[in-house]
Amino acid sequence: MPWTMKDYPDSMKNLDDITKKKAIDIANSMVDENYDESRAIPIAMEQAKKWRKNASKKELEQYQASGNPTTRSEEGKKYASNPERLEEGEQVLKHEDGWAVKSSHAKKPTAVFEQKEAAVKRAREIAKNKGTKLTVYTTDGSVQEQQTYSS
C-alpha cells in the first residue's frame, strides 16, 4: 500500500508537512526500487531532512505546490521489476535553475540545487547508498570528478 500524507509511517509524524511529503516520496520510490520498507523509511527521513535544509525558497514553494506524494504502484513504476535503476550512476549537471542531480539514464533530475556543493553532496549520498558511480560535470559539460562507491 502506498504512503500518502494521510497514511504514513508513525515515525514520520513529527516531521513538518513539506519534509514529511518529501520523505514519503523518497520512501515510496525506494520501495518501488525493491528496498525493504524498514530500511527505506529511515533513509527517506534523513534524506528529506537534508533536502529541506538545503532547498531554496523557490524549490520549497514549487515542491509544496506539486500536489500529493507520488504513490507506489505497479503501473506507476518506470522500471517495473527492473533493478538496473539501482545500478545507474549519479550525475551532477548544470541546470537552468542551478545544478541538477540525476541518475545516468533518467530524463528528469531527482533534485535541483542552487549551489553546486549541495548538489554534489546529495548525489554523493545517493551514489554511496546505491554503491554506484558519481560523475560531476563543469558548466561546459566536461567531467570534473568521478568517484566509484561499492555497496
N, C-alpha and C. Protein backbone atom coordinates (compact mmCIF):
# COMPACT_ATOMS: atom_id res chain seq x y z
N MET A 1 0.84 -1.18 0.00
CA MET A 1 0.00 0.00 0.00
C MET A 1 0.88 1.24 0.00
N PRO A 2 0.61 2.20 -0.86
CA PRO A 2 1.44 3.41 -0.90
C PRO A 2 1.21 4.31 0.30
N TRP A 3 2.25 5.03 0.68
CA TRP A 3 2.12 6.00 1.75
C TRP A 3 1.63 7.32 1.15
N THR A 4 0.82 8.01 1.89
CA THR A 4 0.29 9.31 1.48
C THR A 4 0.41 10.27 2.66
N MET A 5 -0.02 11.50 2.47
CA MET A 5 0.01 12.48 3.57
C MET A 5 -1.02 12.14 4.65
N LYS A 6 -1.96 11.27 4.34
CA LYS A 6 -2.95 10.86 5.33
C LYS A 6 -2.64 9.50 5.94
N ASP A 7 -1.78 8.74 5.29
CA ASP A 7 -1.43 7.40 5.75
C ASP A 7 0.06 7.19 5.53
N TYR A 8 0.83 7.38 6.59
CA TYR A 8 2.29 7.30 6.50
C TYR A 8 2.82 6.63 7.76
N PRO A 9 4.08 6.22 7.75
CA PRO A 9 4.66 5.56 8.93
C PRO A 9 4.64 6.47 10.16
N ASP A 10 4.37 5.89 11.32
CA ASP A 10 4.33 6.66 12.57
C ASP A 10 5.60 7.45 12.82
N SER A 11 6.72 6.92 12.38
CA SER A 11 7.99 7.60 12.63
C SER A 11 8.09 8.94 11.91
N MET A 12 7.21 9.20 10.96
CA MET A 12 7.23 10.48 10.23
C MET A 12 6.29 11.53 10.82
N LYS A 13 5.56 11.18 11.88
CA LYS A 13 4.52 12.06 12.39
C LYS A 13 5.04 13.41 12.90
N ASN A 14 6.29 13.49 13.35
CA ASN A 14 6.81 14.75 13.88
C ASN A 14 7.52 15.61 12.85
N LEU A 15 7.54 15.18 11.60
CA LEU A 15 8.14 15.99 10.54
C LEU A 15 7.16 17.08 10.12
N ASP A 16 7.68 18.27 9.75
CA ASP A 16 6.79 19.29 9.20
C ASP A 16 6.26 18.77 7.87
N ASP A 17 5.13 19.36 7.41
CA ASP A 17 4.43 18.79 6.26
C ASP A 17 5.28 18.66 4.99
N ILE A 18 6.07 19.68 4.66
CA ILE A 18 6.84 19.60 3.41
C ILE A 18 7.95 18.55 3.51
N THR A 19 8.56 18.43 4.69
CA THR A 19 9.59 17.41 4.89
C THR A 19 8.95 16.02 4.88
N LYS A 20 7.79 15.90 5.50
CA LYS A 20 7.07 14.63 5.51
C LYS A 20 6.70 14.21 4.08
N LYS A 21 6.21 15.17 3.30
CA LYS A 21 5.84 14.88 1.91
C LYS A 21 7.05 14.37 1.13
N LYS A 22 8.19 15.03 1.32
CA LYS A 22 9.42 14.61 0.62
C LYS A 22 9.85 13.23 1.09
N ALA A 23 9.76 12.98 2.40
CA ALA A 23 10.14 11.67 2.95
C ALA A 23 9.24 10.57 2.39
N ILE A 24 7.95 10.86 2.26
CA ILE A 24 7.01 9.89 1.70
C ILE A 24 7.36 9.61 0.23
N ASP A 25 7.65 10.67 -0.53
CA ASP A 25 8.04 10.49 -1.94
C ASP A 25 9.28 9.61 -2.04
N ILE A 26 10.29 9.92 -1.24
CA ILE A 26 11.54 9.16 -1.29
C ILE A 26 11.30 7.71 -0.88
N ALA A 27 10.58 7.50 0.23
CA ALA A 27 10.33 6.14 0.71
C ALA A 27 9.53 5.34 -0.31
N ASN A 28 8.49 5.95 -0.90
CA ASN A 28 7.71 5.24 -1.93
C ASN A 28 8.60 4.85 -3.10
N SER A 29 9.47 5.76 -3.53
CA SER A 29 10.38 5.45 -4.65
C SER A 29 11.34 4.33 -4.29
N MET A 30 11.86 4.37 -3.07
CA MET A 30 12.81 3.34 -2.66
C MET A 30 12.14 1.97 -2.62
N VAL A 31 10.92 1.92 -2.11
CA VAL A 31 10.21 0.65 -2.07
C VAL A 31 9.91 0.17 -3.49
N ASP A 32 9.59 1.13 -4.39
CA ASP A 32 9.39 0.76 -5.80
C ASP A 32 10.65 0.13 -6.39
N GLU A 33 11.80 0.53 -5.88
CA GLU A 33 13.07 0.01 -6.38
C GLU A 33 13.57 -1.17 -5.54
N ASN A 34 12.64 -1.80 -4.82
CA ASN A 34 12.90 -3.05 -4.09
C ASN A 34 13.68 -2.89 -2.78
N TYR A 35 13.73 -1.69 -2.22
CA TYR A 35 14.28 -1.54 -0.88
C TYR A 35 13.25 -2.09 0.11
N ASP A 36 13.72 -2.66 1.20
CA ASP A 36 12.84 -3.10 2.26
C ASP A 36 12.27 -1.86 2.97
N GLU A 37 10.99 -1.89 3.32
CA GLU A 37 10.36 -0.73 3.97
C GLU A 37 11.10 -0.32 5.23
N SER A 38 11.57 -1.28 6.02
CA SER A 38 12.24 -0.95 7.28
C SER A 38 13.56 -0.21 7.04
N ARG A 39 14.13 -0.39 5.89
CA ARG A 39 15.36 0.32 5.52
C ARG A 39 15.03 1.64 4.82
N ALA A 40 13.99 1.63 4.00
CA ALA A 40 13.63 2.82 3.22
C ALA A 40 13.16 3.97 4.10
N ILE A 41 12.40 3.69 5.13
CA ILE A 41 11.82 4.75 5.95
C ILE A 41 12.89 5.62 6.61
N PRO A 42 13.84 5.06 7.36
CA PRO A 42 14.84 5.94 7.99
C PRO A 42 15.73 6.67 6.98
N ILE A 43 16.07 6.01 5.87
CA ILE A 43 16.88 6.66 4.84
C ILE A 43 16.10 7.82 4.25
N ALA A 44 14.84 7.59 3.93
CA ALA A 44 13.99 8.63 3.33
C ALA A 44 13.84 9.82 4.28
N MET A 45 13.66 9.55 5.55
CA MET A 45 13.50 10.64 6.52
C MET A 45 14.77 11.48 6.60
N GLU A 46 15.90 10.82 6.66
CA GLU A 46 17.17 11.55 6.75
C GLU A 46 17.43 12.37 5.49
N GLN A 47 17.17 11.78 4.33
CA GLN A 47 17.38 12.49 3.08
C GLN A 47 16.41 13.66 2.94
N ALA A 48 15.17 13.48 3.38
CA ALA A 48 14.18 14.56 3.32
C ALA A 48 14.58 15.72 4.22
N LYS A 49 15.11 15.42 5.40
CA LYS A 49 15.57 16.48 6.31
C LYS A 49 16.74 17.25 5.68
N LYS A 50 17.66 16.55 5.06
CA LYS A 50 18.79 17.22 4.41
C LYS A 50 18.32 18.05 3.23
N TRP A 51 17.38 17.50 2.45
CA TRP A 51 16.83 18.24 1.32
C TRP A 51 16.17 19.53 1.81
N ARG A 52 15.38 19.42 2.86
CA ARG A 52 14.66 20.57 3.42
C ARG A 52 15.64 21.65 3.86
N LYS A 53 16.71 21.23 4.48
CA LYS A 53 17.72 22.16 4.98
C LYS A 53 18.41 22.91 3.83
N ASN A 54 18.63 22.22 2.71
CA ASN A 54 19.38 22.79 1.59
C ASN A 54 18.53 23.38 0.47
N ALA A 55 17.22 23.17 0.53
CA ALA A 55 16.34 23.62 -0.56
C ALA A 55 16.17 25.14 -0.53
N SER A 56 16.10 25.72 -1.72
CA SER A 56 15.85 27.16 -1.83
C SER A 56 14.37 27.43 -1.55
N LYS A 57 14.05 28.67 -1.27
CA LYS A 57 12.66 29.05 -1.03
C LYS A 57 11.80 28.71 -2.25
N LYS A 58 12.34 29.00 -3.43
CA LYS A 58 11.62 28.71 -4.67
C LYS A 58 11.36 27.21 -4.82
N GLU A 59 12.38 26.42 -4.55
CA GLU A 59 12.24 24.97 -4.66
C GLU A 59 11.20 24.45 -3.67
N LEU A 60 11.19 24.98 -2.46
CA LEU A 60 10.21 24.57 -1.46
C LEU A 60 8.79 24.92 -1.91
N GLU A 61 8.63 26.13 -2.44
CA GLU A 61 7.31 26.57 -2.90
C GLU A 61 6.82 25.69 -4.06
N GLN A 62 7.71 25.41 -5.01
CA GLN A 62 7.34 24.57 -6.15
C GLN A 62 6.97 23.16 -5.70
N TYR A 63 7.76 22.62 -4.78
CA TYR A 63 7.50 21.27 -4.30
C TYR A 63 6.19 21.20 -3.54
N GLN A 64 5.93 22.20 -2.70
CA GLN A 64 4.70 22.21 -1.92
C GLN A 64 3.48 22.29 -2.84
N ALA A 65 3.61 23.03 -3.93
CA ALA A 65 2.50 23.19 -4.87
C ALA A 65 2.33 21.99 -5.80
N SER A 66 3.25 21.05 -5.78
CA SER A 66 3.23 19.94 -6.74
C SER A 66 2.22 18.84 -6.44
N GLY A 67 1.43 18.99 -5.39
CA GLY A 67 0.40 18.00 -5.12
C GLY A 67 0.83 16.95 -4.13
N ASN A 68 0.08 15.87 -4.09
CA ASN A 68 0.33 14.80 -3.13
C ASN A 68 1.56 13.99 -3.50
N PRO A 69 2.12 13.30 -2.51
CA PRO A 69 3.28 12.44 -2.80
C PRO A 69 2.94 11.42 -3.87
N THR A 70 3.96 11.04 -4.63
CA THR A 70 3.77 10.01 -5.63
C THR A 70 3.48 8.69 -4.93
N THR A 71 2.70 7.86 -5.56
CA THR A 71 2.31 6.61 -4.92
C THR A 71 3.03 5.43 -5.52
N ARG A 72 3.16 4.40 -4.72
CA ARG A 72 3.74 3.15 -5.20
C ARG A 72 2.66 2.37 -5.90
N SER A 73 2.95 1.92 -7.09
CA SER A 73 2.00 1.07 -7.80
C SER A 73 2.73 0.41 -8.96
N GLU A 74 2.28 -0.73 -9.35
CA GLU A 74 2.92 -1.43 -10.46
C GLU A 74 2.90 -0.60 -11.72
N GLU A 75 1.75 0.04 -12.04
CA GLU A 75 1.69 0.81 -13.26
C GLU A 75 2.46 2.12 -13.15
N GLY A 76 2.75 2.57 -11.93
CA GLY A 76 3.47 3.81 -11.75
C GLY A 76 4.98 3.65 -11.83
N LYS A 77 5.46 2.43 -11.80
CA LYS A 77 6.89 2.21 -11.85
C LYS A 77 7.41 2.45 -13.26
N LYS A 78 8.49 3.20 -13.37
CA LYS A 78 9.11 3.38 -14.67
C LYS A 78 9.87 2.13 -15.08
N TYR A 79 10.44 1.45 -14.09
CA TYR A 79 11.29 0.31 -14.37
C TYR A 79 10.76 -0.91 -13.62
N ALA A 80 9.52 -1.27 -13.87
CA ALA A 80 8.87 -2.36 -13.15
C ALA A 80 9.78 -3.57 -13.06
N SER A 81 10.02 -4.01 -11.85
CA SER A 81 10.85 -5.16 -11.53
C SER A 81 12.19 -5.15 -12.28
N ASN A 82 12.70 -3.97 -12.52
CA ASN A 82 13.96 -3.83 -13.23
C ASN A 82 14.98 -3.19 -12.29
N PRO A 83 15.81 -3.98 -11.64
CA PRO A 83 16.74 -3.45 -10.65
C PRO A 83 17.88 -2.63 -11.25
N GLU A 84 17.94 -2.50 -12.57
CA GLU A 84 19.02 -1.73 -13.17
C GLU A 84 19.03 -0.29 -12.71
N ARG A 85 17.87 0.26 -12.35
CA ARG A 85 17.80 1.65 -11.88
C ARG A 85 18.73 1.84 -10.68
N LEU A 86 18.82 0.83 -9.83
CA LEU A 86 19.68 0.93 -8.66
C LEU A 86 21.16 0.87 -9.03
N GLU A 87 21.45 0.39 -10.22
CA GLU A 87 22.84 0.28 -10.65
C GLU A 87 23.32 1.48 -11.45
N GLU A 88 22.41 2.40 -11.77
CA GLU A 88 22.79 3.58 -12.54
C GLU A 88 23.60 4.54 -11.67
N GLY A 89 24.61 5.14 -12.27
CA GLY A 89 25.40 6.12 -11.57
C GLY A 89 24.66 7.44 -11.43
N GLU A 90 25.13 8.27 -10.53
CA GLU A 90 24.54 9.60 -10.31
C GLU A 90 25.38 10.65 -11.01
N GLN A 91 24.72 11.69 -11.47
CA GLN A 91 25.40 12.77 -12.17
C GLN A 91 25.01 14.12 -11.57
N VAL A 92 25.95 15.05 -11.59
CA VAL A 92 25.68 16.45 -11.24
C VAL A 92 25.96 17.26 -12.49
N LEU A 93 24.91 17.93 -12.98
CA LEU A 93 24.98 18.66 -14.24
C LEU A 93 24.46 20.08 -14.07
N LYS A 94 24.96 21.00 -14.88
CA LYS A 94 24.45 22.37 -14.90
C LYS A 94 22.99 22.32 -15.34
N HIS A 95 22.15 23.12 -14.69
CA HIS A 95 20.71 23.16 -14.96
C HIS A 95 20.28 24.61 -15.00
N GLU A 96 19.20 24.91 -15.69
CA GLU A 96 18.74 26.31 -15.79
C GLU A 96 18.46 26.95 -14.43
N ASP A 97 18.13 26.12 -13.43
CA ASP A 97 17.86 26.65 -12.09
C ASP A 97 19.01 26.40 -11.12
N GLY A 98 20.17 26.00 -11.61
CA GLY A 98 21.31 25.74 -10.73
C GLY A 98 22.05 24.49 -11.16
N TRP A 99 22.04 23.48 -10.28
CA TRP A 99 22.75 22.22 -10.52
C TRP A 99 21.81 21.05 -10.28
N ALA A 100 21.72 20.15 -11.25
CA ALA A 100 20.80 19.02 -11.19
C ALA A 100 21.52 17.76 -10.74
N VAL A 101 20.81 16.95 -9.97
CA VAL A 101 21.25 15.61 -9.58
C VAL A 101 20.31 14.65 -10.30
N LYS A 102 20.89 13.71 -11.06
CA LYS A 102 20.05 12.73 -11.76
C LYS A 102 20.80 11.43 -11.96
N SER A 103 20.03 10.36 -12.10
CA SER A 103 20.61 9.07 -12.46
C SER A 103 21.06 9.14 -13.91
N SER A 104 22.04 8.36 -14.25
CA SER A 104 22.66 8.47 -15.57
C SER A 104 21.70 8.28 -16.74
N HIS A 105 20.65 7.49 -16.60
CA HIS A 105 19.72 7.28 -17.72
C HIS A 105 18.37 7.95 -17.50
N ALA A 106 18.25 8.73 -16.44
CA ALA A 106 16.97 9.41 -16.16
C ALA A 106 16.79 10.60 -17.09
N LYS A 107 15.54 10.87 -17.44
CA LYS A 107 15.25 12.02 -18.28
C LYS A 107 15.13 13.29 -17.45
N LYS A 108 14.63 13.15 -16.21
CA LYS A 108 14.44 14.30 -15.35
C LYS A 108 15.34 14.19 -14.13
N PRO A 109 15.77 15.33 -13.59
CA PRO A 109 16.61 15.28 -12.39
C PRO A 109 15.83 14.83 -11.16
N THR A 110 16.55 14.23 -10.23
CA THR A 110 15.98 13.86 -8.93
C THR A 110 15.74 15.12 -8.11
N ALA A 111 16.69 16.06 -8.21
CA ALA A 111 16.61 17.31 -7.47
C ALA A 111 17.45 18.36 -8.19
N VAL A 112 17.14 19.62 -7.92
CA VAL A 112 17.92 20.74 -8.45
C VAL A 112 18.28 21.65 -7.28
N PHE A 113 19.54 22.03 -7.21
CA PHE A 113 20.04 22.87 -6.13
C PHE A 113 20.61 24.15 -6.71
N GLU A 114 20.51 25.24 -5.96
CA GLU A 114 21.12 26.50 -6.39
C GLU A 114 22.64 26.40 -6.35
N GLN A 115 23.16 25.76 -5.32
CA GLN A 115 24.61 25.64 -5.13
C GLN A 115 25.12 24.28 -5.60
N LYS A 116 26.21 24.29 -6.31
CA LYS A 116 26.80 23.05 -6.82
C LYS A 116 27.21 22.13 -5.67
N GLU A 117 27.75 22.71 -4.59
CA GLU A 117 28.20 21.88 -3.45
C GLU A 117 27.06 21.06 -2.88
N ALA A 118 25.87 21.66 -2.79
CA ALA A 118 24.71 20.94 -2.26
C ALA A 118 24.31 19.80 -3.20
N ALA A 119 24.37 20.05 -4.50
CA ALA A 119 24.04 19.02 -5.48
C ALA A 119 25.04 17.87 -5.41
N VAL A 120 26.31 18.19 -5.30
CA VAL A 120 27.35 17.16 -5.22
C VAL A 120 27.17 16.34 -3.94
N LYS A 121 26.88 17.01 -2.85
CA LYS A 121 26.68 16.31 -1.57
C LYS A 121 25.52 15.31 -1.69
N ARG A 122 24.42 15.75 -2.27
CA ARG A 122 23.24 14.89 -2.42
C ARG A 122 23.52 13.72 -3.37
N ALA A 123 24.15 14.01 -4.49
CA ALA A 123 24.48 12.96 -5.46
C ALA A 123 25.45 11.94 -4.84
N ARG A 124 26.38 12.42 -4.05
CA ARG A 124 27.34 11.53 -3.39
C ARG A 124 26.61 10.59 -2.42
N GLU A 125 25.65 11.13 -1.66
CA GLU A 125 24.86 10.31 -0.73
C GLU A 125 24.12 9.21 -1.49
N ILE A 126 23.48 9.58 -2.59
CA ILE A 126 22.72 8.61 -3.38
C ILE A 126 23.66 7.54 -3.94
N ALA A 127 24.77 7.97 -4.52
CA ALA A 127 25.73 7.01 -5.11
C ALA A 127 26.29 6.07 -4.04
N LYS A 128 26.59 6.61 -2.87
CA LYS A 128 27.09 5.76 -1.78
C LYS A 128 26.02 4.75 -1.36
N ASN A 129 24.77 5.22 -1.21
CA ASN A 129 23.68 4.32 -0.81
C ASN A 129 23.46 3.21 -1.83
N LYS A 130 23.58 3.53 -3.10
CA LYS A 130 23.36 2.55 -4.16
C LYS A 130 24.62 1.76 -4.49
N GLY A 131 25.78 2.25 -4.05
CA GLY A 131 27.03 1.57 -4.38
C GLY A 131 27.36 1.71 -5.85
N THR A 132 27.16 2.93 -6.40
CA THR A 132 27.42 3.17 -7.82
C THR A 132 28.43 4.29 -8.01
N LYS A 133 28.44 4.85 -9.18
CA LYS A 133 29.43 5.86 -9.57
C LYS A 133 28.82 7.27 -9.50
N LEU A 134 29.65 8.23 -9.16
CA LEU A 134 29.28 9.64 -9.18
C LEU A 134 30.13 10.34 -10.23
N THR A 135 29.47 11.11 -11.11
CA THR A 135 30.17 11.91 -12.10
C THR A 135 29.70 13.35 -11.95
N VAL A 136 30.67 14.25 -11.73
CA VAL A 136 30.36 15.68 -11.58
C VAL A 136 30.89 16.39 -12.82
N TYR A 137 30.03 17.20 -13.44
CA TYR A 137 30.40 17.92 -14.65
C TYR A 137 30.60 19.41 -14.37
N THR A 138 31.38 20.06 -15.20
CA THR A 138 31.56 21.51 -15.12
C THR A 138 30.45 22.19 -15.91
N THR A 139 30.42 23.51 -15.88
CA THR A 139 29.38 24.25 -16.61
C THR A 139 29.47 24.01 -18.11
N ASP A 140 30.65 23.70 -18.63
CA ASP A 140 30.78 23.47 -20.08
C ASP A 140 30.53 22.00 -20.47
N GLY A 141 30.19 21.16 -19.49
CA GLY A 141 29.85 19.77 -19.79
C GLY A 141 30.99 18.79 -19.71
N SER A 142 32.20 19.26 -19.39
CA SER A 142 33.31 18.32 -19.26
C SER A 142 33.31 17.71 -17.85
N VAL A 143 33.92 16.55 -17.73
CA VAL A 143 33.96 15.83 -16.46
C VAL A 143 34.93 16.52 -15.50
N GLN A 144 34.43 16.86 -14.34
CA GLN A 144 35.26 17.49 -13.30
C GLN A 144 35.78 16.43 -12.33
N GLU A 145 34.92 15.46 -12.00
CA GLU A 145 35.26 14.47 -10.99
C GLU A 145 34.47 13.20 -11.24
N GLN A 146 35.10 12.05 -10.96
CA GLN A 146 34.41 10.77 -10.99
C GLN A 146 34.84 9.99 -9.77
N GLN A 147 33.88 9.32 -9.16
CA GLN A 147 34.15 8.51 -7.98
C GLN A 147 33.26 7.29 -8.03
N THR A 148 33.80 6.13 -7.68
CA THR A 148 33.02 4.91 -7.65
C THR A 148 32.90 4.44 -6.21
N TYR A 149 31.69 4.08 -5.81
CA TYR A 149 31.41 3.61 -4.46
C TYR A 149 30.93 2.18 -4.55
N SER A 150 31.35 1.35 -3.63
CA SER A 150 30.86 -0.03 -3.61
C SER A 150 29.92 -0.20 -2.44
N SER A 151 28.91 -1.04 -2.64
CA SER A 151 27.88 -1.22 -1.61
C SER A 151 28.30 -2.25 -0.58
